[in-house]
Amino acid sequence: MKKFLVAPSVLAANFARLEEDLTMVNNSQADWLHVDIMDGRFVPNISFGQSLVKVMDSICEKTIDVHLMIEEPEKYVSSFVDSGADVLTFHIEATNHAHRLIQQIKSMDVKAGIAINPQTSVDVLDDILENLDLVCVMSVNPGFGGQKFIYRTLDKLKKLKTKIIERNLNTKIEVDGGVGLQNAEAILGAGADVLVAGSSVFKSDNPIETISRLKGIQVANYDI
């Protein structure tokens, strides 16, 4: 059966009881903690900065997966690595120097990822796919939690997975936005390796059980 990772998105957590929610993640089968950084410029919302990521890293025992939804990411990658990021992803739409930024991230002994918005084709990654540890495919328009999954994302996942297989790469595909028990099997079948789940986990009656159910999904083969 296909192996995959589950990354609860802390954006959907209750920040009045953040330590409690992060302890829940520690006690669950979750693999990563997904942390969305928003600057109010690249996306129409503001989340949190380096100091809070550092606090999360001090509490959470999982891999810290930082997703920079910000303009000029090259100015901030070092500080987010210093704050505890284990995986650092930036948007290809936010920089003209993607290859250089990938190398900068990797030089700090951190996994490097690129995110693409719903309207961005996976073909833009052709020249840099070999350099990436992760591609984060946005399945909602970035900036707000709780949105509905855009189902044409499945075709993008299949196309991207085909490219990765043809090149014999180890690049993981992460899917972020509207992911839950209702569509996780289809998303995994289309090629995803990492499920980012926000509201579907933190807003559920039993988040630990929801994570367990996500991890229990069995997909034998890719639908590509």
N, C-alpha and C. Protein backbone atom coordinates (compact mmCIF):
# COMPACT_ATOMS: atom_id res chain seq x y z
N MET A 1 0.83 -1.19 0.00
CA MET A 1 0.00 0.00 0.00
C MET A 1 0.87 1.25 0.00
N LYS A 2 0.34 2.29 -0.57
CA LYS A 2 1.06 3.54 -0.70
C LYS A 2 1.29 4.20 0.67
N LYS A 3 2.52 4.68 0.90
CA LYS A 3 2.83 5.40 2.12
C LYS A 3 2.66 6.89 1.88
N PHE A 4 2.12 7.59 2.86
CA PHE A 4 1.92 9.03 2.73
C PHE A 4 1.97 9.67 4.12
N LEU A 5 2.04 11.00 4.12
CA LEU A 5 2.14 11.76 5.36
C LEU A 5 0.90 12.61 5.57
N VAL A 6 0.57 12.85 6.83
CA VAL A 6 -0.53 13.75 7.19
C VAL A 6 0.05 14.92 7.97
N ALA A 7 -0.30 16.14 7.53
CA ALA A 7 0.24 17.36 8.13
C ALA A 7 -0.90 18.27 8.56
N PRO A 8 -1.36 18.19 9.81
CA PRO A 8 -2.39 19.12 10.27
C PRO A 8 -1.92 20.57 10.12
N SER A 9 -2.80 21.43 9.65
CA SER A 9 -2.46 22.84 9.45
C SER A 9 -2.84 23.66 10.67
N VAL A 10 -1.85 24.22 11.33
CA VAL A 10 -2.05 24.92 12.59
C VAL A 10 -2.89 26.18 12.40
N LEU A 11 -3.05 26.65 11.17
CA LEU A 11 -3.87 27.82 10.92
C LEU A 11 -5.30 27.61 11.42
N ALA A 12 -5.75 26.34 11.45
CA ALA A 12 -7.11 26.04 11.88
C ALA A 12 -7.21 25.73 13.37
N ALA A 13 -6.09 25.80 14.08
CA ALA A 13 -6.08 25.50 15.51
C ALA A 13 -6.74 26.64 16.30
N ASN A 14 -7.01 26.37 17.56
CA ASN A 14 -7.54 27.39 18.47
C ASN A 14 -6.36 28.06 19.17
N PHE A 15 -6.08 29.30 18.80
CA PHE A 15 -4.88 29.96 19.32
C PHE A 15 -5.02 30.39 20.77
N ALA A 16 -6.23 30.28 21.33
CA ALA A 16 -6.40 30.51 22.76
C ALA A 16 -5.93 29.31 23.56
N ARG A 17 -5.77 28.19 22.88
CA ARG A 17 -5.27 26.97 23.55
C ARG A 17 -4.27 26.26 22.63
N LEU A 18 -3.33 27.05 22.14
CA LEU A 18 -2.38 26.52 21.16
C LEU A 18 -1.57 25.36 21.72
N GLU A 19 -1.09 25.48 22.94
CA GLU A 19 -0.28 24.40 23.50
C GLU A 19 -1.07 23.10 23.58
N GLU A 20 -2.34 23.20 23.93
CA GLU A 20 -3.20 22.01 24.00
C GLU A 20 -3.36 21.37 22.62
N ASP A 21 -3.58 22.21 21.61
CA ASP A 21 -3.75 21.68 20.26
C ASP A 21 -2.46 21.06 19.72
N LEU A 22 -1.31 21.67 20.03
CA LEU A 22 -0.04 21.11 19.58
C LEU A 22 0.28 19.82 20.32
N THR A 23 -0.11 19.74 21.58
CA THR A 23 0.07 18.49 22.33
C THR A 23 -0.78 17.38 21.72
N MET A 24 -1.98 17.75 21.26
CA MET A 24 -2.82 16.78 20.56
C MET A 24 -2.10 16.26 19.33
N VAL A 25 -1.50 17.15 18.55
CA VAL A 25 -0.76 16.73 17.36
C VAL A 25 0.38 15.78 17.75
N ASN A 26 1.09 16.11 18.83
CA ASN A 26 2.17 15.25 19.31
C ASN A 26 1.67 13.84 19.63
N ASN A 27 0.48 13.76 20.19
CA ASN A 27 -0.07 12.47 20.62
C ASN A 27 -0.81 11.73 19.52
N SER A 28 -0.85 12.30 18.34
CA SER A 28 -1.58 11.71 17.21
C SER A 28 -0.62 11.00 16.26
N GLN A 29 -1.18 10.44 15.19
CA GLN A 29 -0.37 9.80 14.16
C GLN A 29 0.12 10.77 13.09
N ALA A 30 -0.10 12.07 13.32
CA ALA A 30 0.35 13.07 12.36
C ALA A 30 1.86 12.98 12.16
N ASP A 31 2.30 13.29 10.95
CA ASP A 31 3.73 13.23 10.61
C ASP A 31 4.39 14.61 10.67
N TRP A 32 3.70 15.62 10.17
CA TRP A 32 4.22 16.97 10.11
C TRP A 32 3.21 17.93 10.74
N LEU A 33 3.68 19.11 11.09
CA LEU A 33 2.81 20.24 11.43
C LEU A 33 2.99 21.29 10.34
N HIS A 34 1.90 21.61 9.66
CA HIS A 34 1.94 22.57 8.55
C HIS A 34 1.66 23.97 9.08
N VAL A 35 2.57 24.91 8.76
CA VAL A 35 2.49 26.27 9.31
C VAL A 35 2.44 27.27 8.15
N ASP A 36 1.30 27.93 7.97
CA ASP A 36 1.12 28.90 6.89
C ASP A 36 1.53 30.29 7.37
N ILE A 37 2.48 30.90 6.65
CA ILE A 37 2.93 32.25 6.96
C ILE A 37 2.35 33.19 5.91
N MET A 38 1.54 34.16 6.34
CA MET A 38 0.88 35.08 5.42
C MET A 38 1.24 36.52 5.77
N ASP A 39 1.49 37.33 4.73
CA ASP A 39 1.99 38.68 4.96
C ASP A 39 1.01 39.80 4.64
N GLY A 40 -0.20 39.46 4.18
CA GLY A 40 -1.15 40.48 3.82
C GLY A 40 -0.86 41.14 2.48
N ARG A 41 0.17 40.67 1.79
CA ARG A 41 0.55 41.22 0.49
C ARG A 41 0.39 40.16 -0.60
N PHE A 42 1.09 39.05 -0.44
CA PHE A 42 0.95 37.96 -1.41
C PHE A 42 -0.44 37.35 -1.33
N VAL A 43 -0.98 37.29 -0.13
CA VAL A 43 -2.36 36.84 0.10
C VAL A 43 -3.06 37.88 0.98
N PRO A 44 -4.39 37.97 0.88
CA PRO A 44 -5.12 39.02 1.62
C PRO A 44 -5.40 38.65 3.07
N ASN A 45 -4.39 38.23 3.76
CA ASN A 45 -4.56 37.86 5.17
C ASN A 45 -3.19 37.91 5.83
N ILE A 46 -3.16 38.01 7.14
CA ILE A 46 -1.92 38.00 7.91
C ILE A 46 -2.05 36.91 8.97
N SER A 47 -1.03 36.06 9.10
CA SER A 47 -1.11 35.00 10.11
C SER A 47 -0.14 35.28 11.26
N PHE A 48 1.07 34.76 11.15
CA PHE A 48 2.02 34.94 12.25
C PHE A 48 3.44 34.91 11.70
N GLY A 49 4.40 35.23 12.58
CA GLY A 49 5.78 35.35 12.14
C GLY A 49 6.72 34.40 12.83
N GLN A 50 7.99 34.75 12.78
CA GLN A 50 9.05 33.87 13.23
C GLN A 50 8.96 33.52 14.72
N SER A 51 8.58 34.49 15.53
CA SER A 51 8.57 34.26 16.97
C SER A 51 7.56 33.18 17.36
N LEU A 52 6.41 33.17 16.70
CA LEU A 52 5.40 32.16 17.02
C LEU A 52 5.80 30.80 16.46
N VAL A 53 6.45 30.78 15.31
CA VAL A 53 6.97 29.52 14.77
C VAL A 53 7.97 28.91 15.76
N LYS A 54 8.78 29.75 16.36
CA LYS A 54 9.75 29.27 17.35
C LYS A 54 9.05 28.66 18.55
N VAL A 55 7.96 29.28 18.98
CA VAL A 55 7.18 28.72 20.08
C VAL A 55 6.59 27.38 19.68
N MET A 56 6.02 27.30 18.47
CA MET A 56 5.45 26.03 18.00
C MET A 56 6.52 24.94 17.97
N ASP A 57 7.70 25.28 17.49
CA ASP A 57 8.78 24.31 17.40
C ASP A 57 9.19 23.82 18.78
N SER A 58 9.10 24.67 19.79
CA SER A 58 9.49 24.27 21.15
C SER A 58 8.47 23.32 21.78
N ILE A 59 7.23 23.35 21.27
CA ILE A 59 6.16 22.49 21.81
C ILE A 59 5.95 21.25 20.96
N CYS A 60 5.92 21.45 19.65
CA CYS A 60 5.57 20.36 18.74
C CYS A 60 6.77 19.47 18.44
N GLU A 61 6.57 18.18 18.53
CA GLU A 61 7.64 17.20 18.31
C GLU A 61 7.68 16.69 16.87
N LYS A 62 6.75 17.16 16.05
CA LYS A 62 6.68 16.72 14.66
C LYS A 62 7.55 17.60 13.77
N THR A 63 7.76 17.14 12.54
CA THR A 63 8.45 17.94 11.53
C THR A 63 7.68 19.25 11.30
N ILE A 64 8.40 20.38 11.35
CA ILE A 64 7.77 21.68 11.16
C ILE A 64 7.85 22.06 9.68
N ASP A 65 6.69 22.07 9.05
CA ASP A 65 6.55 22.29 7.60
C ASP A 65 6.05 23.72 7.38
N VAL A 66 6.97 24.63 7.06
CA VAL A 66 6.63 26.05 6.95
C VAL A 66 6.35 26.42 5.50
N HIS A 67 5.19 27.02 5.27
CA HIS A 67 4.72 27.41 3.94
C HIS A 67 4.67 28.93 3.89
N LEU A 68 5.58 29.52 3.14
CA LEU A 68 5.67 30.97 3.04
C LEU A 68 4.74 31.49 1.95
N MET A 69 3.63 32.07 2.35
CA MET A 69 2.72 32.74 1.41
C MET A 69 3.02 34.24 1.49
N ILE A 70 4.23 34.61 1.07
CA ILE A 70 4.69 35.97 1.26
C ILE A 70 5.44 36.49 0.03
N GLU A 71 5.44 37.80 -0.12
CA GLU A 71 6.27 38.44 -1.13
C GLU A 71 7.74 38.42 -0.70
N GLU A 72 8.63 38.43 -1.64
CA GLU A 72 10.08 38.49 -1.39
C GLU A 72 10.54 37.44 -0.36
N PRO A 73 10.22 36.18 -0.59
CA PRO A 73 10.57 35.14 0.39
C PRO A 73 12.07 35.05 0.66
N GLU A 74 12.90 35.45 -0.32
CA GLU A 74 14.34 35.36 -0.15
C GLU A 74 14.84 36.19 1.04
N LYS A 75 14.06 37.18 1.47
CA LYS A 75 14.46 38.02 2.60
C LYS A 75 14.23 37.34 3.94
N TYR A 76 13.45 36.26 3.95
CA TYR A 76 12.98 35.71 5.22
C TYR A 76 13.33 34.24 5.44
N VAL A 77 13.86 33.55 4.45
CA VAL A 77 14.07 32.11 4.62
C VAL A 77 15.03 31.80 5.77
N SER A 78 16.08 32.58 5.92
CA SER A 78 17.06 32.30 6.97
C SER A 78 16.43 32.42 8.35
N SER A 79 15.61 33.44 8.56
CA SER A 79 15.00 33.64 9.87
C SER A 79 13.99 32.55 10.20
N PHE A 80 13.29 32.03 9.18
CA PHE A 80 12.34 30.95 9.47
C PHE A 80 13.06 29.62 9.71
N VAL A 81 14.18 29.41 9.06
CA VAL A 81 15.00 28.24 9.39
C VAL A 81 15.50 28.35 10.82
N ASP A 82 15.97 29.52 11.20
CA ASP A 82 16.43 29.74 12.57
C ASP A 82 15.30 29.54 13.59
N SER A 83 14.07 29.76 13.16
CA SER A 83 12.91 29.62 14.05
C SER A 83 12.45 28.18 14.19
N GLY A 84 12.99 27.27 13.36
CA GLY A 84 12.68 25.86 13.54
C GLY A 84 12.11 25.12 12.35
N ALA A 85 12.03 25.77 11.19
CA ALA A 85 11.49 25.09 10.01
C ALA A 85 12.37 23.90 9.62
N ASP A 86 11.74 22.76 9.38
CA ASP A 86 12.43 21.57 8.87
C ASP A 86 12.22 21.43 7.37
N VAL A 87 11.06 21.89 6.91
CA VAL A 87 10.72 21.96 5.49
C VAL A 87 10.30 23.40 5.23
N LEU A 88 10.84 24.02 4.18
CA LEU A 88 10.52 25.42 3.90
C LEU A 88 10.09 25.55 2.44
N THR A 89 8.86 26.00 2.26
CA THR A 89 8.26 26.11 0.93
C THR A 89 7.91 27.56 0.63
N PHE A 90 8.23 28.00 -0.58
CA PHE A 90 7.86 29.34 -1.02
C PHE A 90 7.07 29.23 -2.32
N HIS A 91 6.38 30.30 -2.68
CA HIS A 91 5.58 30.30 -3.91
C HIS A 91 6.40 30.73 -5.10
N ILE A 92 6.29 29.95 -6.17
CA ILE A 92 7.01 30.30 -7.39
C ILE A 92 6.50 31.63 -7.96
N GLU A 93 5.25 31.97 -7.65
CA GLU A 93 4.69 33.23 -8.14
C GLU A 93 5.26 34.45 -7.41
N ALA A 94 5.99 34.23 -6.31
CA ALA A 94 6.44 35.32 -5.45
C ALA A 94 7.90 35.70 -5.67
N THR A 95 8.60 35.03 -6.58
CA THR A 95 10.02 35.33 -6.77
C THR A 95 10.44 35.11 -8.22
N ASN A 96 11.45 35.84 -8.64
CA ASN A 96 12.04 35.63 -9.97
C ASN A 96 13.29 34.78 -9.89
N HIS A 97 13.63 34.31 -8.71
CA HIS A 97 14.89 33.62 -8.52
C HIS A 97 14.68 32.29 -7.78
N ALA A 98 13.80 31.47 -8.33
CA ALA A 98 13.42 30.23 -7.66
C ALA A 98 14.61 29.29 -7.46
N HIS A 99 15.40 29.08 -8.48
CA HIS A 99 16.50 28.13 -8.37
C HIS A 99 17.50 28.57 -7.31
N ARG A 100 17.83 29.84 -7.30
CA ARG A 100 18.77 30.36 -6.31
C ARG A 100 18.23 30.20 -4.90
N LEU A 101 16.93 30.43 -4.73
CA LEU A 101 16.32 30.32 -3.41
C LEU A 101 16.27 28.87 -2.94
N ILE A 102 16.02 27.96 -3.85
CA ILE A 102 16.07 26.53 -3.51
C ILE A 102 17.45 26.17 -2.97
N GLN A 103 18.49 26.61 -3.67
CA GLN A 103 19.85 26.30 -3.23
C GLN A 103 20.15 26.93 -1.88
N GLN A 104 19.65 28.13 -1.65
CA GLN A 104 19.87 28.79 -0.37
C GLN A 104 19.24 27.99 0.77
N ILE A 105 18.02 27.53 0.56
CA ILE A 105 17.33 26.74 1.59
C ILE A 105 18.08 25.44 1.86
N LYS A 106 18.47 24.75 0.80
CA LYS A 106 19.16 23.47 0.97
C LYS A 106 20.52 23.65 1.64
N SER A 107 21.16 24.79 1.43
CA SER A 107 22.46 25.03 2.05
C SER A 107 22.35 25.13 3.57
N MET A 108 21.14 25.35 4.06
CA MET A 108 20.89 25.45 5.51
C MET A 108 20.41 24.12 6.08
N ASP A 109 20.57 23.05 5.30
CA ASP A 109 20.22 21.69 5.74
C ASP A 109 18.73 21.56 6.05
N VAL A 110 17.91 22.18 5.20
CA VAL A 110 16.46 22.13 5.33
C VAL A 110 15.89 21.68 3.99
N LYS A 111 14.80 20.94 4.02
CA LYS A 111 14.16 20.51 2.77
C LYS A 111 13.50 21.71 2.09
N ALA A 112 13.66 21.78 0.76
CA ALA A 112 13.17 22.92 -0.01
C ALA A 112 11.96 22.54 -0.83
N GLY A 113 10.93 23.39 -0.76
CA GLY A 113 9.72 23.15 -1.53
C GLY A 113 9.26 24.38 -2.26
N ILE A 114 8.50 24.16 -3.32
CA ILE A 114 7.85 25.24 -4.06
C ILE A 114 6.35 24.97 -4.07
N ALA A 115 5.57 26.03 -3.83
CA ALA A 115 4.12 25.96 -3.90
C ALA A 115 3.64 26.62 -5.18
N ILE A 116 2.55 26.10 -5.73
CA ILE A 116 1.94 26.69 -6.92
C ILE A 116 0.46 26.93 -6.66
N ASN A 117 -0.01 28.10 -7.09
CA ASN A 117 -1.41 28.47 -6.93
C ASN A 117 -2.31 27.68 -7.88
N PRO A 118 -3.62 27.69 -7.64
CA PRO A 118 -4.53 26.91 -8.50
C PRO A 118 -4.43 27.24 -9.98
N GLN A 119 -4.15 28.50 -10.34
CA GLN A 119 -4.12 28.87 -11.75
C GLN A 119 -2.75 28.65 -12.39
N THR A 120 -1.76 28.19 -11.61
CA THR A 120 -0.40 27.99 -12.13
C THR A 120 -0.23 26.56 -12.61
N SER A 121 0.30 26.41 -13.82
CA SER A 121 0.51 25.09 -14.40
C SER A 121 1.73 24.41 -13.77
N VAL A 122 1.66 23.09 -13.66
CA VAL A 122 2.81 22.34 -13.14
C VAL A 122 3.98 22.40 -14.11
N ASP A 123 3.75 22.80 -15.35
CA ASP A 123 4.83 22.88 -16.34
C ASP A 123 5.88 23.92 -15.97
N VAL A 124 5.54 24.89 -15.14
CA VAL A 124 6.52 25.92 -14.75
C VAL A 124 7.64 25.32 -13.91
N LEU A 125 7.45 24.09 -13.44
CA LEU A 125 8.45 23.45 -12.59
C LEU A 125 9.44 22.59 -13.37
N ASP A 126 9.27 22.50 -14.68
CA ASP A 126 10.06 21.57 -15.47
C ASP A 126 11.57 21.75 -15.29
N ASP A 127 12.04 22.98 -15.20
CA ASP A 127 13.48 23.23 -15.13
C ASP A 127 14.06 23.10 -13.74
N ILE A 128 13.21 22.96 -12.72
CA ILE A 128 13.72 22.91 -11.34
C ILE A 128 13.22 21.70 -10.55
N LEU A 129 12.43 20.85 -11.18
CA LEU A 129 11.81 19.74 -10.45
C LEU A 129 12.86 18.85 -9.79
N GLU A 130 13.98 18.65 -10.49
CA GLU A 130 15.04 17.79 -9.94
C GLU A 130 15.65 18.34 -8.66
N ASN A 131 15.52 19.63 -8.44
CA ASN A 131 16.12 20.28 -7.28
C ASN A 131 15.21 20.31 -6.06
N LEU A 132 13.97 19.92 -6.24
CA LEU A 132 12.97 20.10 -5.18
C LEU A 132 12.78 18.84 -4.34
N ASP A 133 12.62 19.06 -3.04
CA ASP A 133 12.21 17.98 -2.14
C ASP A 133 10.69 17.86 -2.10
N LEU A 134 10.01 18.96 -2.41
CA LEU A 134 8.55 19.01 -2.22
C LEU A 134 7.93 19.99 -3.21
N VAL A 135 6.76 19.62 -3.74
CA VAL A 135 5.92 20.56 -4.47
C VAL A 135 4.59 20.62 -3.74
N CYS A 136 4.22 21.82 -3.31
CA CYS A 136 2.94 22.03 -2.63
C CYS A 136 1.93 22.54 -3.66
N VAL A 137 0.96 21.72 -3.97
CA VAL A 137 -0.08 22.10 -4.94
C VAL A 137 -1.27 22.66 -4.17
N MET A 138 -1.52 23.95 -4.38
CA MET A 138 -2.65 24.58 -3.70
C MET A 138 -3.96 24.13 -4.36
N SER A 139 -4.86 23.62 -3.54
CA SER A 139 -6.15 23.15 -4.04
C SER A 139 -7.29 24.08 -3.62
N VAL A 140 -6.91 25.24 -3.10
CA VAL A 140 -7.82 26.37 -2.88
C VAL A 140 -7.01 27.62 -3.20
N ASN A 141 -7.68 28.75 -3.33
CA ASN A 141 -6.96 30.00 -3.49
C ASN A 141 -6.35 30.38 -2.15
N PRO A 142 -5.04 30.61 -2.10
CA PRO A 142 -4.36 30.76 -0.82
C PRO A 142 -4.76 32.03 -0.07
N GLY A 143 -4.74 31.92 1.26
CA GLY A 143 -4.98 33.10 2.08
C GLY A 143 -5.97 32.90 3.20
N PHE A 144 -6.86 31.92 3.07
CA PHE A 144 -7.88 31.68 4.08
C PHE A 144 -8.09 30.18 4.27
N GLY A 145 -8.34 29.77 5.49
CA GLY A 145 -8.67 28.38 5.76
C GLY A 145 -10.15 28.11 5.52
N GLY A 146 -10.50 26.84 5.49
CA GLY A 146 -11.90 26.45 5.42
C GLY A 146 -12.53 26.49 4.04
N GLN A 147 -11.74 26.66 2.97
CA GLN A 147 -12.30 26.72 1.62
C GLN A 147 -12.55 25.32 1.05
N LYS A 148 -13.39 25.26 0.01
CA LYS A 148 -13.71 23.99 -0.62
C LYS A 148 -12.62 23.60 -1.62
N PHE A 149 -12.34 22.33 -1.67
CA PHE A 149 -11.35 21.76 -2.57
C PHE A 149 -11.73 21.99 -4.03
N ILE A 150 -10.75 22.45 -4.83
CA ILE A 150 -10.96 22.64 -6.27
C ILE A 150 -10.62 21.31 -6.96
N TYR A 151 -11.63 20.65 -7.51
CA TYR A 151 -11.43 19.27 -7.96
C TYR A 151 -10.60 19.14 -9.24
N ARG A 152 -10.45 20.20 -10.01
CA ARG A 152 -9.56 20.08 -11.16
C ARG A 152 -8.09 19.94 -10.72
N THR A 153 -7.85 20.14 -9.43
CA THR A 153 -6.51 19.91 -8.88
C THR A 153 -6.07 18.47 -9.12
N LEU A 154 -7.02 17.54 -9.15
CA LEU A 154 -6.67 16.13 -9.33
C LEU A 154 -5.93 15.91 -10.64
N ASP A 155 -6.33 16.60 -11.70
CA ASP A 155 -5.65 16.46 -12.99
C ASP A 155 -4.22 17.00 -12.91
N LYS A 156 -4.04 18.09 -12.16
CA LYS A 156 -2.69 18.65 -11.98
C LYS A 156 -1.81 17.67 -11.23
N LEU A 157 -2.37 17.02 -10.21
CA LEU A 157 -1.60 16.05 -9.43
C LEU A 157 -1.14 14.89 -10.31
N LYS A 158 -2.04 14.41 -11.15
CA LYS A 158 -1.69 13.29 -12.03
C LYS A 158 -0.57 13.68 -12.99
N LYS A 159 -0.67 14.86 -13.55
CA LYS A 159 0.35 15.33 -14.48
C LYS A 159 1.70 15.49 -13.80
N LEU A 160 1.68 16.07 -12.60
CA LEU A 160 2.92 16.28 -11.86
C LEU A 160 3.53 14.95 -11.42
N LYS A 161 2.71 14.02 -10.95
CA LYS A 161 3.22 12.72 -10.53
C LYS A 161 3.84 11.98 -11.70
N THR A 162 3.24 12.10 -12.88
CA THR A 162 3.80 11.46 -14.07
C THR A 162 5.20 12.01 -14.36
N LYS A 163 5.37 13.31 -14.27
CA LYS A 163 6.69 13.93 -14.49
C LYS A 163 7.71 13.40 -13.49
N ILE A 164 7.31 13.29 -12.23
CA ILE A 164 8.22 12.83 -11.18
C ILE A 164 8.62 11.38 -11.41
N ILE A 165 7.66 10.55 -11.78
CA ILE A 165 7.94 9.13 -12.03
C ILE A 165 8.84 8.97 -13.25
N GLU A 166 8.55 9.72 -14.32
CA GLU A 166 9.34 9.61 -15.55
C GLU A 166 10.79 10.01 -15.31
N ARG A 167 11.02 10.92 -14.40
CA ARG A 167 12.39 11.38 -14.11
C ARG A 167 13.03 10.61 -12.96
N ASN A 168 12.28 9.67 -12.39
CA ASN A 168 12.78 8.85 -11.29
C ASN A 168 13.24 9.70 -10.11
N LEU A 169 12.40 10.65 -9.72
CA LEU A 169 12.72 11.57 -8.64
C LEU A 169 12.05 11.13 -7.33
N ASN A 170 12.55 11.68 -6.23
CA ASN A 170 11.97 11.42 -4.91
C ASN A 170 11.15 12.60 -4.42
N THR A 171 10.87 13.56 -5.28
CA THR A 171 10.13 14.75 -4.91
C THR A 171 8.73 14.39 -4.43
N LYS A 172 8.35 14.89 -3.25
CA LYS A 172 7.03 14.63 -2.70
C LYS A 172 6.04 15.68 -3.20
N ILE A 173 4.80 15.25 -3.37
CA ILE A 173 3.71 16.16 -3.71
C ILE A 173 2.83 16.37 -2.48
N GLU A 174 2.70 17.62 -2.10
CA GLU A 174 1.85 17.99 -0.97
C GLU A 174 0.61 18.70 -1.51
N VAL A 175 -0.53 18.43 -0.91
CA VAL A 175 -1.78 19.08 -1.32
C VAL A 175 -2.33 19.85 -0.14
N ASP A 176 -2.62 21.14 -0.41
CA ASP A 176 -3.00 22.06 0.66
C ASP A 176 -4.28 22.79 0.29
N GLY A 177 -5.36 22.51 1.06
CA GLY A 177 -6.59 23.25 0.86
C GLY A 177 -7.80 22.36 0.67
N GLY A 178 -8.73 22.40 1.61
CA GLY A 178 -9.98 21.66 1.45
C GLY A 178 -9.84 20.15 1.53
N VAL A 179 -8.77 19.67 2.16
CA VAL A 179 -8.51 18.23 2.25
C VAL A 179 -9.21 17.65 3.48
N GLY A 180 -9.91 16.56 3.28
CA GLY A 180 -10.58 15.89 4.39
C GLY A 180 -10.88 14.44 4.06
N LEU A 181 -11.60 13.79 4.93
CA LEU A 181 -11.91 12.38 4.74
C LEU A 181 -12.75 12.15 3.48
N GLN A 182 -13.49 13.17 3.05
CA GLN A 182 -14.38 13.01 1.91
C GLN A 182 -13.63 12.94 0.58
N ASN A 183 -12.39 13.42 0.53
CA ASN A 183 -11.66 13.44 -0.74
C ASN A 183 -10.23 12.94 -0.66
N ALA A 184 -9.77 12.57 0.52
CA ALA A 184 -8.37 12.18 0.70
C ALA A 184 -7.97 10.99 -0.17
N GLU A 185 -8.84 10.01 -0.31
CA GLU A 185 -8.50 8.83 -1.11
C GLU A 185 -8.28 9.21 -2.57
N ALA A 186 -9.13 10.07 -3.11
CA ALA A 186 -8.98 10.51 -4.50
C ALA A 186 -7.70 11.33 -4.68
N ILE A 187 -7.39 12.15 -3.70
CA ILE A 187 -6.18 12.98 -3.76
C ILE A 187 -4.93 12.11 -3.73
N LEU A 188 -4.93 11.12 -2.88
CA LEU A 188 -3.78 10.20 -2.80
C LEU A 188 -3.67 9.38 -4.09
N GLY A 189 -4.79 8.94 -4.61
CA GLY A 189 -4.78 8.17 -5.84
C GLY A 189 -4.25 8.96 -7.03
N ALA A 190 -4.44 10.29 -6.98
CA ALA A 190 -3.98 11.15 -8.07
C ALA A 190 -2.50 11.48 -7.97
N GLY A 191 -1.87 11.10 -6.85
CA GLY A 191 -0.42 11.29 -6.77
C GLY A 191 0.12 11.97 -5.55
N ALA A 192 -0.73 12.43 -4.63
CA ALA A 192 -0.25 13.15 -3.46
C ALA A 192 0.52 12.24 -2.49
N ASP A 193 1.51 12.85 -1.83
CA ASP A 193 2.30 12.15 -0.81
C ASP A 193 2.10 12.75 0.58
N VAL A 194 1.65 13.99 0.64
CA VAL A 194 1.46 14.70 1.91
C VAL A 194 0.10 15.38 1.88
N LEU A 195 -0.75 15.08 2.86
CA LEU A 195 -2.06 15.70 2.97
C LEU A 195 -2.02 16.77 4.05
N VAL A 196 -2.24 18.02 3.64
CA VAL A 196 -2.38 19.10 4.62
C VAL A 196 -3.86 19.20 4.97
N ALA A 197 -4.18 19.01 6.23
CA ALA A 197 -5.57 19.01 6.68
C ALA A 197 -5.72 20.00 7.83
N GLY A 198 -6.52 21.03 7.62
CA GLY A 198 -6.68 22.06 8.64
C GLY A 198 -7.99 21.94 9.37
N SER A 199 -9.03 22.55 8.80
CA SER A 199 -10.35 22.53 9.44
C SER A 199 -10.87 21.12 9.66
N SER A 200 -10.59 20.22 8.71
CA SER A 200 -11.11 18.86 8.82
C SER A 200 -10.54 18.13 10.03
N VAL A 201 -9.39 18.57 10.52
CA VAL A 201 -8.80 17.99 11.73
C VAL A 201 -9.18 18.80 12.96
N PHE A 202 -8.79 20.06 12.99
CA PHE A 202 -8.92 20.86 14.21
C PHE A 202 -10.36 21.20 14.54
N LYS A 203 -11.25 21.23 13.55
CA LYS A 203 -12.65 21.55 13.82
C LYS A 203 -13.49 20.29 14.02
N SER A 204 -12.88 19.13 13.94
CA SER A 204 -13.63 17.88 14.12
C SER A 204 -13.88 17.63 15.60
N ASP A 205 -14.84 16.76 15.87
CA ASP A 205 -15.18 16.43 17.26
C ASP A 205 -14.05 15.69 17.95
N ASN A 206 -13.30 14.91 17.18
CA ASN A 206 -12.20 14.13 17.75
C ASN A 206 -11.00 14.21 16.79
N PRO A 207 -10.16 15.23 16.93
CA PRO A 207 -9.06 15.43 15.98
C PRO A 207 -8.11 14.24 15.90
N ILE A 208 -7.80 13.61 17.02
CA ILE A 208 -6.88 12.47 17.01
C ILE A 208 -7.46 11.33 16.18
N GLU A 209 -8.76 11.09 16.34
CA GLU A 209 -9.42 10.03 15.57
C GLU A 209 -9.46 10.38 14.09
N THR A 210 -9.70 11.65 13.78
CA THR A 210 -9.73 12.08 12.38
C THR A 210 -8.37 11.87 11.72
N ILE A 211 -7.31 12.23 12.42
CA ILE A 211 -5.96 12.00 11.89
C ILE A 211 -5.72 10.51 11.68
N SER A 212 -6.16 9.70 12.65
CA SER A 212 -6.00 8.26 12.55
C SER A 212 -6.76 7.71 11.34
N ARG A 213 -7.94 8.23 11.08
CA ARG A 213 -8.73 7.78 9.93
C ARG A 213 -8.06 8.20 8.62
N LEU A 214 -7.49 9.39 8.59
CA LEU A 214 -6.75 9.82 7.40
C LEU A 214 -5.55 8.90 7.15
N LYS A 215 -4.82 8.61 8.22
CA LYS A 215 -3.65 7.74 8.08
C LYS A 215 -4.04 6.31 7.69
N GLY A 216 -5.26 5.94 7.99
CA GLY A 216 -5.71 4.58 7.71
C GLY A 216 -6.21 4.35 6.30
N ILE A 217 -6.27 5.41 5.51
CA ILE A 217 -6.73 5.27 4.12
C ILE A 217 -5.73 4.42 3.34
N GLN A 218 -6.23 3.46 2.59
CA GLN A 218 -5.37 2.58 1.83
C GLN A 218 -5.57 2.79 0.33
N VAL A 219 -4.47 3.13 -0.33
CA VAL A 219 -4.48 3.34 -1.77
C VAL A 219 -3.40 2.44 -2.36
N ALA A 220 -3.81 1.52 -3.22
CA ALA A 220 -2.85 0.54 -3.76
C ALA A 220 -2.04 1.12 -4.90
N ASN A 221 -2.69 1.83 -5.81
CA ASN A 221 -2.02 2.30 -7.01
C ASN A 221 -2.43 3.73 -7.32
N TYR A 222 -1.55 4.43 -8.05
CA TYR A 222 -1.87 5.77 -8.51
C TYR A 222 -2.87 5.69 -9.65
N ASP A 223 -3.78 6.64 -9.67
CA ASP A 223 -4.80 6.72 -10.73
C ASP A 223 -4.28 7.64 -11.84
N ILE A 224 -3.16 7.25 -12.44
CA ILE A 224 -2.56 8.09 -13.50
C ILE A 224 -2.27 7.25 -14.74
